[in-house]
Amino acid sequence: MTNVSETYDNRAEGETRRGNWMQTYSSVQFWPLDPRPGEVLIVDIAHALSNMCRYAGHCSRFYSVAEHSVLVSLVVPPEHALQALLHDATEAYLVDVPRPIKKYLGGYHEMEDVLWRVIAERFGVPEELHPSIKEADNAVLLAEAQQIMGSPPAPWQIEGEPADVTVECLVPSAAKTRFAARFAELQP
């Protein structure tokens, strides 16, 4: 693993940042290990999540994290919809890691937590995810399992019932548009 304590001298800003930077879709210089709220743009999140396939690509058709996020935002109570839409926004910068692997990646949760706090601050949502979001995330996951996954070799160990949603498997450009429209609808 790369030494995450390395620093990068950002001469343009006259400061030192933790880690190194990546270029986002909108050409922002973004430090995933040292994020700042002003560098988090919804257009970058919508674009990246719309191009990222859920389940490490092991579904019957391309299905984006952006479409999944929209579905989760439709299942929760309206007052938690914006937070639900953004619940996987860290993946725009850290990628979508499947659940069975995520907990074994040393340091991943810490990076995700720091980034989530910055995203929550940027968009004015609580840092602590409301419990309805985890429930909705699982319910949407169960609906996805029925609609876009093959016959399971064993029961999935996910509690709850499938959400009443339809997975459309939108192409990335349509998923990006849907995510951005949902954000505009929910933004205070």
N, C-alpha and C. Protein backbone atom coordinates (compact mmCIF):
# COMPACT_ATOMS: atom_id res chain seq x y z
N MET A 1 0.84 -1.18 0.00
CA MET A 1 0.00 0.00 0.00
C MET A 1 0.89 1.25 0.00
N THR A 2 0.46 2.26 -0.71
CA THR A 2 1.19 3.51 -0.77
C THR A 2 1.19 4.19 0.58
N ASN A 3 2.25 4.87 0.89
CA ASN A 3 2.35 5.61 2.14
C ASN A 3 1.39 6.79 2.08
N VAL A 4 0.29 6.72 2.84
CA VAL A 4 -0.70 7.79 2.81
C VAL A 4 -0.26 9.02 3.58
N SER A 5 0.89 8.93 4.23
CA SER A 5 1.39 10.11 4.92
C SER A 5 2.22 10.99 4.00
N GLU A 6 2.45 10.53 2.75
CA GLU A 6 3.20 11.36 1.81
C GLU A 6 2.45 12.66 1.59
N THR A 7 3.16 13.71 1.32
CA THR A 7 2.52 14.99 1.06
C THR A 7 2.87 15.45 -0.34
N TYR A 8 2.06 16.33 -0.85
CA TYR A 8 2.25 16.88 -2.17
C TYR A 8 2.25 18.39 -2.04
N ASP A 9 3.28 19.02 -2.54
CA ASP A 9 3.40 20.47 -2.46
C ASP A 9 2.54 21.08 -3.55
N ASN A 10 1.47 21.73 -3.17
CA ASN A 10 0.57 22.39 -4.11
C ASN A 10 1.03 23.84 -4.27
N ARG A 11 2.02 24.04 -5.10
CA ARG A 11 2.64 25.36 -5.25
C ARG A 11 1.65 26.43 -5.73
N ALA A 12 0.68 26.03 -6.53
CA ALA A 12 -0.29 27.01 -7.01
C ALA A 12 -1.07 27.64 -5.85
N GLU A 13 -1.29 26.89 -4.79
CA GLU A 13 -2.03 27.38 -3.64
C GLU A 13 -1.11 27.74 -2.47
N GLY A 14 0.19 27.43 -2.61
CA GLY A 14 1.13 27.73 -1.54
C GLY A 14 0.92 26.90 -0.29
N GLU A 15 0.51 25.66 -0.45
CA GLU A 15 0.26 24.80 0.71
C GLU A 15 0.69 23.37 0.41
N THR A 16 0.74 22.58 1.46
CA THR A 16 1.05 21.17 1.33
C THR A 16 -0.21 20.39 1.63
N ARG A 17 -0.51 19.40 0.81
CA ARG A 17 -1.70 18.57 0.97
C ARG A 17 -1.28 17.13 1.21
N ARG A 18 -2.12 16.37 1.90
CA ARG A 18 -1.86 14.97 2.20
C ARG A 18 -2.15 14.12 0.96
N GLY A 19 -1.22 13.23 0.64
CA GLY A 19 -1.40 12.37 -0.53
C GLY A 19 -1.14 13.13 -1.81
N ASN A 20 -1.68 12.62 -2.89
CA ASN A 20 -1.55 13.25 -4.19
C ASN A 20 -2.94 13.52 -4.74
N TRP A 21 -3.01 14.20 -5.85
CA TRP A 21 -4.30 14.62 -6.38
C TRP A 21 -4.69 13.81 -7.61
N MET A 22 -5.98 13.89 -7.91
CA MET A 22 -6.53 13.29 -9.12
C MET A 22 -7.30 14.38 -9.85
N GLN A 23 -7.40 14.24 -11.15
CA GLN A 23 -8.19 15.20 -11.92
C GLN A 23 -9.61 14.66 -12.05
N THR A 24 -10.58 15.50 -11.74
CA THR A 24 -11.97 15.09 -11.84
C THR A 24 -12.51 15.40 -13.24
N TYR A 25 -13.71 14.95 -13.49
CA TYR A 25 -14.39 15.20 -14.78
C TYR A 25 -14.41 16.68 -15.13
N SER A 26 -14.65 17.53 -14.13
CA SER A 26 -14.73 18.98 -14.38
C SER A 26 -13.36 19.65 -14.33
N SER A 27 -12.31 18.85 -14.30
CA SER A 27 -10.92 19.32 -14.28
C SER A 27 -10.51 19.97 -12.96
N VAL A 28 -11.19 19.60 -11.89
CA VAL A 28 -10.79 20.05 -10.56
C VAL A 28 -9.62 19.19 -10.11
N GLN A 29 -8.68 19.80 -9.43
CA GLN A 29 -7.57 19.08 -8.80
C GLN A 29 -8.10 18.64 -7.44
N PHE A 30 -8.27 17.32 -7.24
CA PHE A 30 -8.94 16.80 -6.05
C PHE A 30 -8.02 15.86 -5.29
N TRP A 31 -7.86 16.11 -4.00
CA TRP A 31 -7.04 15.27 -3.13
C TRP A 31 -7.97 14.34 -2.35
N PRO A 32 -8.10 13.08 -2.73
CA PRO A 32 -9.01 12.19 -2.01
C PRO A 32 -8.60 11.94 -0.56
N LEU A 33 -7.31 12.12 -0.23
CA LEU A 33 -6.86 11.92 1.15
C LEU A 33 -6.86 13.22 1.96
N ASP A 34 -7.13 14.32 1.30
CA ASP A 34 -7.15 15.63 1.95
C ASP A 34 -8.21 16.50 1.27
N PRO A 35 -9.46 16.02 1.29
CA PRO A 35 -10.52 16.71 0.55
C PRO A 35 -10.96 18.01 1.22
N ARG A 36 -11.43 18.93 0.40
CA ARG A 36 -11.97 20.20 0.87
C ARG A 36 -13.37 20.37 0.28
N PRO A 37 -14.30 20.90 1.05
CA PRO A 37 -15.68 21.04 0.55
C PRO A 37 -15.79 21.78 -0.78
N GLY A 38 -15.01 22.82 -0.96
CA GLY A 38 -15.10 23.60 -2.20
C GLY A 38 -14.64 22.86 -3.44
N GLU A 39 -13.95 21.76 -3.25
CA GLU A 39 -13.46 20.96 -4.39
C GLU A 39 -14.43 19.84 -4.76
N VAL A 40 -15.48 19.66 -3.97
CA VAL A 40 -16.48 18.62 -4.23
C VAL A 40 -17.59 19.23 -5.07
N LEU A 41 -17.75 18.74 -6.28
CA LEU A 41 -18.76 19.27 -7.19
C LEU A 41 -19.76 18.17 -7.55
N ILE A 42 -21.04 18.52 -7.56
CA ILE A 42 -22.06 17.53 -7.86
C ILE A 42 -21.92 17.00 -9.28
N VAL A 43 -21.45 17.82 -10.20
CA VAL A 43 -21.26 17.35 -11.58
C VAL A 43 -20.22 16.24 -11.63
N ASP A 44 -19.18 16.34 -10.82
CA ASP A 44 -18.16 15.28 -10.77
C ASP A 44 -18.72 14.01 -10.15
N ILE A 45 -19.51 14.16 -9.11
CA ILE A 45 -20.11 12.99 -8.47
C ILE A 45 -21.07 12.31 -9.42
N ALA A 46 -21.96 13.08 -10.05
CA ALA A 46 -22.94 12.51 -10.98
C ALA A 46 -22.24 11.79 -12.14
N HIS A 47 -21.22 12.43 -12.69
CA HIS A 47 -20.51 11.83 -13.82
C HIS A 47 -19.80 10.54 -13.43
N ALA A 48 -19.05 10.58 -12.36
CA ALA A 48 -18.28 9.40 -11.95
C ALA A 48 -19.20 8.24 -11.58
N LEU A 49 -20.23 8.51 -10.77
CA LEU A 49 -21.13 7.44 -10.34
C LEU A 49 -21.92 6.85 -11.51
N SER A 50 -22.20 7.67 -12.51
CA SER A 50 -22.96 7.16 -13.67
C SER A 50 -22.12 6.23 -14.54
N ASN A 51 -20.80 6.34 -14.44
CA ASN A 51 -19.90 5.49 -15.22
C ASN A 51 -19.38 4.29 -14.43
N MET A 52 -19.85 4.14 -13.20
CA MET A 52 -19.37 3.08 -12.31
C MET A 52 -20.44 2.00 -12.17
N CYS A 53 -20.09 0.77 -12.55
CA CYS A 53 -21.03 -0.33 -12.49
C CYS A 53 -21.07 -0.95 -11.10
N ARG A 54 -22.27 -1.20 -10.60
CA ARG A 54 -22.45 -1.87 -9.31
C ARG A 54 -22.00 -3.32 -9.40
N TYR A 55 -21.80 -3.93 -8.27
CA TYR A 55 -21.46 -5.36 -8.15
C TYR A 55 -20.19 -5.74 -8.89
N ALA A 56 -19.25 -4.80 -8.98
CA ALA A 56 -17.99 -5.03 -9.69
C ALA A 56 -18.25 -5.53 -11.11
N GLY A 57 -19.40 -5.14 -11.66
CA GLY A 57 -19.76 -5.52 -13.03
C GLY A 57 -20.40 -6.89 -13.16
N HIS A 58 -20.68 -7.56 -12.06
CA HIS A 58 -21.22 -8.93 -12.11
C HIS A 58 -22.75 -8.95 -12.14
N CYS A 59 -23.34 -8.01 -12.86
CA CYS A 59 -24.80 -8.00 -13.03
C CYS A 59 -25.12 -8.29 -14.50
N SER A 60 -26.37 -8.56 -14.79
CA SER A 60 -26.74 -8.99 -16.15
C SER A 60 -26.55 -7.90 -17.20
N ARG A 61 -26.67 -6.65 -16.78
CA ARG A 61 -26.47 -5.50 -17.66
C ARG A 61 -25.77 -4.41 -16.88
N PHE A 62 -25.21 -3.43 -17.58
CA PHE A 62 -24.58 -2.31 -16.89
C PHE A 62 -25.62 -1.62 -16.02
N TYR A 63 -25.26 -1.41 -14.75
CA TYR A 63 -26.14 -0.77 -13.79
C TYR A 63 -25.27 0.13 -12.91
N SER A 64 -25.51 1.42 -12.98
CA SER A 64 -24.61 2.37 -12.33
C SER A 64 -24.94 2.65 -10.88
N VAL A 65 -23.91 3.09 -10.18
CA VAL A 65 -24.05 3.55 -8.80
C VAL A 65 -24.96 4.77 -8.78
N ALA A 66 -24.94 5.60 -9.81
CA ALA A 66 -25.81 6.79 -9.87
C ALA A 66 -27.27 6.37 -9.87
N GLU A 67 -27.64 5.39 -10.70
CA GLU A 67 -29.03 4.94 -10.74
C GLU A 67 -29.42 4.34 -9.39
N HIS A 68 -28.56 3.53 -8.82
CA HIS A 68 -28.80 2.96 -7.49
C HIS A 68 -29.07 4.07 -6.47
N SER A 69 -28.26 5.12 -6.49
CA SER A 69 -28.41 6.21 -5.53
C SER A 69 -29.75 6.91 -5.68
N VAL A 70 -30.17 7.11 -6.91
CA VAL A 70 -31.49 7.72 -7.15
C VAL A 70 -32.58 6.84 -6.57
N LEU A 71 -32.50 5.53 -6.81
CA LEU A 71 -33.52 4.62 -6.28
C LEU A 71 -33.56 4.67 -4.75
N VAL A 72 -32.41 4.67 -4.11
CA VAL A 72 -32.38 4.74 -2.64
C VAL A 72 -33.03 6.04 -2.17
N SER A 73 -32.78 7.13 -2.89
CA SER A 73 -33.36 8.43 -2.50
C SER A 73 -34.87 8.45 -2.64
N LEU A 74 -35.42 7.57 -3.48
CA LEU A 74 -36.87 7.50 -3.67
C LEU A 74 -37.55 6.62 -2.62
N VAL A 75 -36.79 5.78 -1.95
CA VAL A 75 -37.35 4.82 -1.00
C VAL A 75 -37.41 5.39 0.42
N VAL A 76 -36.49 6.27 0.77
CA VAL A 76 -36.45 6.83 2.13
C VAL A 76 -37.53 7.89 2.33
N PRO A 77 -37.83 8.25 3.58
CA PRO A 77 -38.72 9.38 3.82
C PRO A 77 -38.15 10.64 3.15
N PRO A 78 -39.01 11.51 2.62
CA PRO A 78 -38.54 12.68 1.86
C PRO A 78 -37.50 13.54 2.56
N GLU A 79 -37.58 13.65 3.89
CA GLU A 79 -36.63 14.50 4.61
C GLU A 79 -35.21 13.93 4.63
N HIS A 80 -35.04 12.68 4.21
CA HIS A 80 -33.71 12.07 4.17
C HIS A 80 -33.26 11.77 2.74
N ALA A 81 -34.02 12.23 1.76
CA ALA A 81 -33.76 11.87 0.36
C ALA A 81 -32.44 12.42 -0.16
N LEU A 82 -32.07 13.65 0.20
CA LEU A 82 -30.81 14.20 -0.30
C LEU A 82 -29.63 13.41 0.28
N GLN A 83 -29.68 13.13 1.55
CA GLN A 83 -28.61 12.34 2.17
C GLN A 83 -28.56 10.95 1.53
N ALA A 84 -29.71 10.37 1.23
CA ALA A 84 -29.76 9.06 0.58
C ALA A 84 -29.17 9.12 -0.83
N LEU A 85 -29.49 10.18 -1.57
CA LEU A 85 -28.93 10.32 -2.91
C LEU A 85 -27.41 10.36 -2.86
N LEU A 86 -26.87 10.99 -1.83
CA LEU A 86 -25.42 11.17 -1.70
C LEU A 86 -24.73 10.06 -0.91
N HIS A 87 -25.46 9.05 -0.46
CA HIS A 87 -24.88 8.06 0.46
C HIS A 87 -23.67 7.32 -0.11
N ASP A 88 -23.57 7.21 -1.42
CA ASP A 88 -22.42 6.56 -2.05
C ASP A 88 -21.51 7.56 -2.78
N ALA A 89 -21.66 8.85 -2.49
CA ALA A 89 -20.90 9.88 -3.20
C ALA A 89 -19.40 9.73 -3.03
N THR A 90 -18.95 9.15 -1.93
CA THR A 90 -17.50 8.94 -1.74
C THR A 90 -16.93 8.05 -2.85
N GLU A 91 -17.77 7.18 -3.41
CA GLU A 91 -17.32 6.27 -4.44
C GLU A 91 -16.93 6.99 -5.73
N ALA A 92 -17.38 8.22 -5.89
CA ALA A 92 -16.98 9.02 -7.05
C ALA A 92 -15.47 9.28 -7.03
N TYR A 93 -14.89 9.22 -5.84
CA TYR A 93 -13.46 9.48 -5.68
C TYR A 93 -12.68 8.26 -5.21
N LEU A 94 -13.35 7.33 -4.54
CA LEU A 94 -12.66 6.15 -3.97
C LEU A 94 -13.08 4.85 -4.65
N VAL A 95 -13.95 4.88 -5.61
CA VAL A 95 -14.53 3.77 -6.38
C VAL A 95 -15.48 2.91 -5.54
N ASP A 96 -16.29 2.14 -6.23
CA ASP A 96 -17.27 1.26 -5.60
C ASP A 96 -16.60 -0.07 -5.30
N VAL A 97 -16.40 -0.32 -4.03
CA VAL A 97 -15.79 -1.58 -3.61
C VAL A 97 -16.91 -2.49 -3.11
N PRO A 98 -17.01 -3.72 -3.61
CA PRO A 98 -18.07 -4.63 -3.15
C PRO A 98 -18.00 -4.87 -1.64
N ARG A 99 -19.17 -4.99 -1.00
CA ARG A 99 -19.28 -5.16 0.45
C ARG A 99 -18.38 -6.25 1.01
N PRO A 100 -18.31 -7.44 0.38
CA PRO A 100 -17.49 -8.50 0.99
C PRO A 100 -16.00 -8.16 1.06
N ILE A 101 -15.56 -7.20 0.27
CA ILE A 101 -14.14 -6.84 0.22
C ILE A 101 -13.83 -5.61 1.07
N LYS A 102 -14.76 -4.67 1.09
CA LYS A 102 -14.52 -3.34 1.67
C LYS A 102 -13.93 -3.39 3.08
N LYS A 103 -14.46 -4.24 3.94
CA LYS A 103 -14.01 -4.24 5.33
C LYS A 103 -12.59 -4.78 5.49
N TYR A 104 -12.05 -5.42 4.46
CA TYR A 104 -10.70 -5.97 4.54
C TYR A 104 -9.63 -5.05 3.93
N LEU A 105 -10.04 -3.94 3.40
CA LEU A 105 -9.08 -2.99 2.83
C LEU A 105 -8.64 -2.02 3.91
N GLY A 106 -7.48 -2.26 4.46
CA GLY A 106 -6.96 -1.43 5.54
C GLY A 106 -6.92 0.04 5.16
N GLY A 107 -7.52 0.86 5.97
CA GLY A 107 -7.52 2.30 5.76
C GLY A 107 -8.66 2.81 4.89
N TYR A 108 -9.34 1.93 4.19
CA TYR A 108 -10.41 2.38 3.28
C TYR A 108 -11.53 3.08 4.05
N HIS A 109 -12.00 2.48 5.14
CA HIS A 109 -13.09 3.09 5.89
C HIS A 109 -12.71 4.46 6.45
N GLU A 110 -11.46 4.60 6.86
CA GLU A 110 -11.02 5.89 7.39
C GLU A 110 -11.03 6.94 6.28
N MET A 111 -10.53 6.58 5.10
CA MET A 111 -10.55 7.51 3.97
C MET A 111 -11.99 7.86 3.60
N GLU A 112 -12.85 6.85 3.57
CA GLU A 112 -14.25 7.05 3.23
C GLU A 112 -14.94 7.96 4.26
N ASP A 113 -14.65 7.77 5.55
CA ASP A 113 -15.25 8.59 6.60
C ASP A 113 -14.85 10.05 6.48
N VAL A 114 -13.56 10.31 6.25
CA VAL A 114 -13.08 11.69 6.09
C VAL A 114 -13.76 12.34 4.89
N LEU A 115 -13.79 11.62 3.79
CA LEU A 115 -14.40 12.15 2.56
C LEU A 115 -15.90 12.37 2.75
N TRP A 116 -16.58 11.44 3.41
CA TRP A 116 -18.02 11.61 3.64
C TRP A 116 -18.30 12.86 4.47
N ARG A 117 -17.50 13.11 5.50
CA ARG A 117 -17.71 14.31 6.32
C ARG A 117 -17.60 15.58 5.47
N VAL A 118 -16.65 15.60 4.55
CA VAL A 118 -16.47 16.76 3.66
C VAL A 118 -17.65 16.89 2.70
N ILE A 119 -18.11 15.78 2.15
CA ILE A 119 -19.27 15.80 1.25
C ILE A 119 -20.51 16.26 2.01
N ALA A 120 -20.71 15.73 3.21
CA ALA A 120 -21.86 16.13 4.02
C ALA A 120 -21.83 17.63 4.31
N GLU A 121 -20.65 18.14 4.64
CA GLU A 121 -20.52 19.58 4.89
C GLU A 121 -20.83 20.37 3.62
N ARG A 122 -20.29 19.93 2.51
CA ARG A 122 -20.47 20.63 1.23
C ARG A 122 -21.94 20.78 0.87
N PHE A 123 -22.71 19.70 1.09
CA PHE A 123 -24.11 19.71 0.65
C PHE A 123 -25.11 19.87 1.79
N GLY A 124 -24.60 20.15 3.00
CA GLY A 124 -25.48 20.48 4.12
C GLY A 124 -26.36 19.33 4.60
N VAL A 125 -25.82 18.12 4.57
CA VAL A 125 -26.56 16.97 5.11
C VAL A 125 -25.85 16.49 6.36
N PRO A 126 -26.57 15.81 7.25
CA PRO A 126 -25.93 15.31 8.47
C PRO A 126 -24.82 14.31 8.15
N GLU A 127 -23.76 14.35 8.95
CA GLU A 127 -22.65 13.39 8.79
C GLU A 127 -23.10 11.97 9.12
N GLU A 128 -23.96 11.84 10.10
CA GLU A 128 -24.46 10.53 10.52
C GLU A 128 -25.60 10.14 9.59
N LEU A 129 -25.43 9.03 8.85
CA LEU A 129 -26.50 8.58 7.97
C LEU A 129 -27.72 8.17 8.78
N HIS A 130 -28.87 8.63 8.36
CA HIS A 130 -30.10 8.25 9.03
C HIS A 130 -30.32 6.75 8.83
N PRO A 131 -30.80 6.04 9.86
CA PRO A 131 -31.01 4.58 9.74
C PRO A 131 -31.90 4.17 8.57
N SER A 132 -32.82 5.03 8.17
CA SER A 132 -33.70 4.70 7.04
C SER A 132 -32.91 4.53 5.74
N ILE A 133 -31.75 5.15 5.67
CA ILE A 133 -30.94 5.07 4.45
C ILE A 133 -30.31 3.68 4.32
N LYS A 134 -29.79 3.14 5.41
CA LYS A 134 -29.24 1.79 5.37
C LYS A 134 -30.33 0.77 5.05
N GLU A 135 -31.51 0.96 5.63
CA GLU A 135 -32.63 0.07 5.34
C GLU A 135 -33.02 0.15 3.87
N ALA A 136 -33.10 1.38 3.34
CA ALA A 136 -33.45 1.57 1.94
C ALA A 136 -32.37 1.01 1.02
N ASP A 137 -31.11 1.22 1.39
CA ASP A 137 -29.99 0.71 0.61
C ASP A 137 -30.10 -0.82 0.49
N ASN A 138 -30.39 -1.49 1.61
CA ASN A 138 -30.55 -2.94 1.60
C ASN A 138 -31.79 -3.36 0.80
N ALA A 139 -32.88 -2.63 0.94
CA ALA A 139 -34.11 -2.97 0.21
C ALA A 139 -33.90 -2.82 -1.30
N VAL A 140 -33.20 -1.76 -1.70
CA VAL A 140 -32.90 -1.58 -3.12
C VAL A 140 -31.95 -2.67 -3.59
N LEU A 141 -30.97 -3.01 -2.78
CA LEU A 141 -30.04 -4.10 -3.11
C LEU A 141 -30.80 -5.41 -3.34
N LEU A 142 -31.78 -5.70 -2.51
CA LEU A 142 -32.57 -6.93 -2.68
C LEU A 142 -33.40 -6.88 -3.96
N ALA A 143 -33.91 -5.70 -4.30
CA ALA A 143 -34.63 -5.55 -5.57
C ALA A 143 -33.68 -5.75 -6.75
N GLU A 144 -32.48 -5.19 -6.63
CA GLU A 144 -31.47 -5.36 -7.68
C GLU A 144 -31.13 -6.84 -7.85
N ALA A 145 -31.00 -7.55 -6.73
CA ALA A 145 -30.66 -8.98 -6.78
C ALA A 145 -31.70 -9.74 -7.59
N GLN A 146 -32.96 -9.38 -7.43
CA GLN A 146 -34.04 -10.05 -8.16
C GLN A 146 -34.07 -9.68 -9.64
N GLN A 147 -33.71 -8.43 -9.92
CA GLN A 147 -33.93 -7.91 -11.27
C GLN A 147 -32.72 -7.99 -12.20
N ILE A 148 -31.50 -7.93 -11.65
CA ILE A 148 -30.34 -7.86 -12.55
C ILE A 148 -29.22 -8.83 -12.22
N MET A 149 -29.47 -9.71 -11.25
CA MET A 149 -28.47 -10.70 -10.91
C MET A 149 -29.00 -12.08 -11.31
N GLY A 150 -28.08 -13.00 -11.57
CA GLY A 150 -28.47 -14.37 -11.88
C GLY A 150 -29.01 -15.06 -10.64
N SER A 151 -29.41 -16.31 -10.79
CA SER A 151 -29.89 -17.10 -9.66
C SER A 151 -28.77 -17.22 -8.64
N PRO A 152 -29.06 -16.91 -7.38
CA PRO A 152 -28.00 -16.94 -6.37
C PRO A 152 -27.58 -18.38 -6.04
N PRO A 153 -26.29 -18.59 -5.87
CA PRO A 153 -25.81 -19.92 -5.50
C PRO A 153 -26.12 -20.25 -4.03
N ALA A 154 -26.44 -19.22 -3.25
CA ALA A 154 -26.81 -19.36 -1.84
C ALA A 154 -27.61 -18.10 -1.49
N PRO A 155 -28.38 -18.15 -0.40
CA PRO A 155 -29.15 -16.95 -0.01
C PRO A 155 -28.22 -15.78 0.34
N TRP A 156 -28.62 -14.61 -0.07
CA TRP A 156 -27.88 -13.40 0.31
C TRP A 156 -28.15 -13.14 1.78
N GLN A 157 -27.17 -12.70 2.49
CA GLN A 157 -27.30 -12.43 3.93
C GLN A 157 -27.65 -10.96 4.17
N ILE A 158 -28.77 -10.55 3.59
CA ILE A 158 -29.23 -9.17 3.71
C ILE A 158 -30.63 -9.20 4.32
N GLU A 159 -30.81 -8.45 5.40
CA GLU A 159 -32.11 -8.40 6.06
C GLU A 159 -33.05 -7.45 5.33
N GLY A 160 -34.34 -7.75 5.42
CA GLY A 160 -35.35 -6.87 4.86
C GLY A 160 -36.04 -7.46 3.66
N GLU A 161 -36.91 -6.64 3.09
CA GLU A 161 -37.68 -7.03 1.90
C GLU A 161 -37.24 -6.15 0.73
N PRO A 162 -37.37 -6.67 -0.50
CA PRO A 162 -37.00 -5.86 -1.66
C PRO A 162 -37.85 -4.59 -1.77
N ALA A 163 -37.24 -3.51 -2.15
CA ALA A 163 -37.97 -2.26 -2.38
C ALA A 163 -38.83 -2.39 -3.63
N ASP A 164 -39.90 -1.63 -3.67
CA ASP A 164 -40.78 -1.61 -4.84
C ASP A 164 -40.23 -0.59 -5.84
N VAL A 165 -39.15 -0.96 -6.49
CA VAL A 165 -38.49 -0.10 -7.47
C VAL A 165 -38.22 -0.91 -8.73
N THR A 166 -38.05 -0.20 -9.83
CA THR A 166 -37.69 -0.85 -11.08
C THR A 166 -36.29 -0.41 -11.48
N VAL A 167 -35.41 -1.37 -11.63
CA VAL A 167 -34.06 -1.11 -12.09
C VAL A 167 -34.11 -1.01 -13.61
N GLU A 168 -33.75 0.16 -14.14
CA GLU A 168 -33.83 0.38 -15.58
C GLU A 168 -32.53 0.08 -16.32
N CYS A 169 -31.43 0.01 -15.58
CA CYS A 169 -30.11 -0.17 -16.21
C CYS A 169 -29.86 0.92 -17.26
N LEU A 170 -29.96 2.15 -16.80
CA LEU A 170 -29.77 3.30 -17.67
C LEU A 170 -28.33 3.36 -18.19
N VAL A 171 -28.18 3.85 -19.40
CA VAL A 171 -26.84 4.09 -19.92
C VAL A 171 -26.24 5.23 -19.10
N PRO A 172 -24.92 5.33 -19.04
CA PRO A 172 -24.30 6.34 -18.18
C PRO A 172 -24.83 7.77 -18.38
N SER A 173 -25.02 8.21 -19.61
CA SER A 173 -25.48 9.59 -19.82
C SER A 173 -26.87 9.81 -19.23
N ALA A 174 -27.75 8.82 -19.34
CA ALA A 174 -29.10 8.93 -18.77
C ALA A 174 -29.06 8.85 -17.24
N ALA A 175 -28.20 8.00 -16.70
CA ALA A 175 -28.06 7.89 -15.24
C ALA A 175 -27.52 9.20 -14.66
N LYS A 176 -26.57 9.79 -15.36
CA LYS A 176 -26.00 11.08 -14.92
C LYS A 176 -27.08 12.16 -14.91
N THR A 177 -27.89 12.21 -15.96
CA THR A 177 -28.96 13.19 -16.05
C THR A 177 -29.99 12.97 -14.94
N ARG A 178 -30.34 11.72 -14.70
CA ARG A 178 -31.33 11.39 -13.66
C ARG A 178 -30.79 11.77 -12.28
N PHE A 179 -29.52 11.47 -12.02
CA PHE A 179 -28.91 11.81 -10.73
C PHE A 179 -28.90 13.33 -10.55
N ALA A 180 -28.45 14.06 -11.57
CA ALA A 180 -28.38 15.52 -11.48
C ALA A 180 -29.77 16.14 -11.29
N ALA A 181 -30.77 15.60 -11.98
CA ALA A 181 -32.13 16.11 -11.84
C ALA A 181 -32.67 15.85 -10.44
N ARG A 182 -32.37 14.67 -9.90
CA ARG A 182 -32.83 14.35 -8.55
C ARG A 182 -32.15 15.26 -7.53
N PHE A 183 -30.86 15.53 -7.74
CA PHE A 183 -30.16 16.45 -6.85
C PHE A 183 -30.81 17.84 -6.91
N ALA A 184 -31.09 18.34 -8.12
CA ALA A 184 -31.70 19.66 -8.27
C ALA A 184 -33.07 19.71 -7.59
N GLU A 185 -33.80 18.62 -7.67
CA GLU A 185 -35.12 18.54 -7.04
C GLU A 185 -35.01 18.58 -5.51
N LEU A 186 -33.96 18.00 -4.96
CA LEU A 186 -33.83 17.86 -3.51
C LEU A 186 -33.03 18.97 -2.84
N GLN A 187 -32.25 19.68 -3.62
CA GLN A 187 -31.36 20.71 -3.08
C GLN A 187 -32.19 21.81 -2.41
N PRO A 188 -31.80 22.20 -1.20
CA PRO A 188 -32.57 23.26 -0.51
C PRO A 188 -32.48 24.60 -1.23
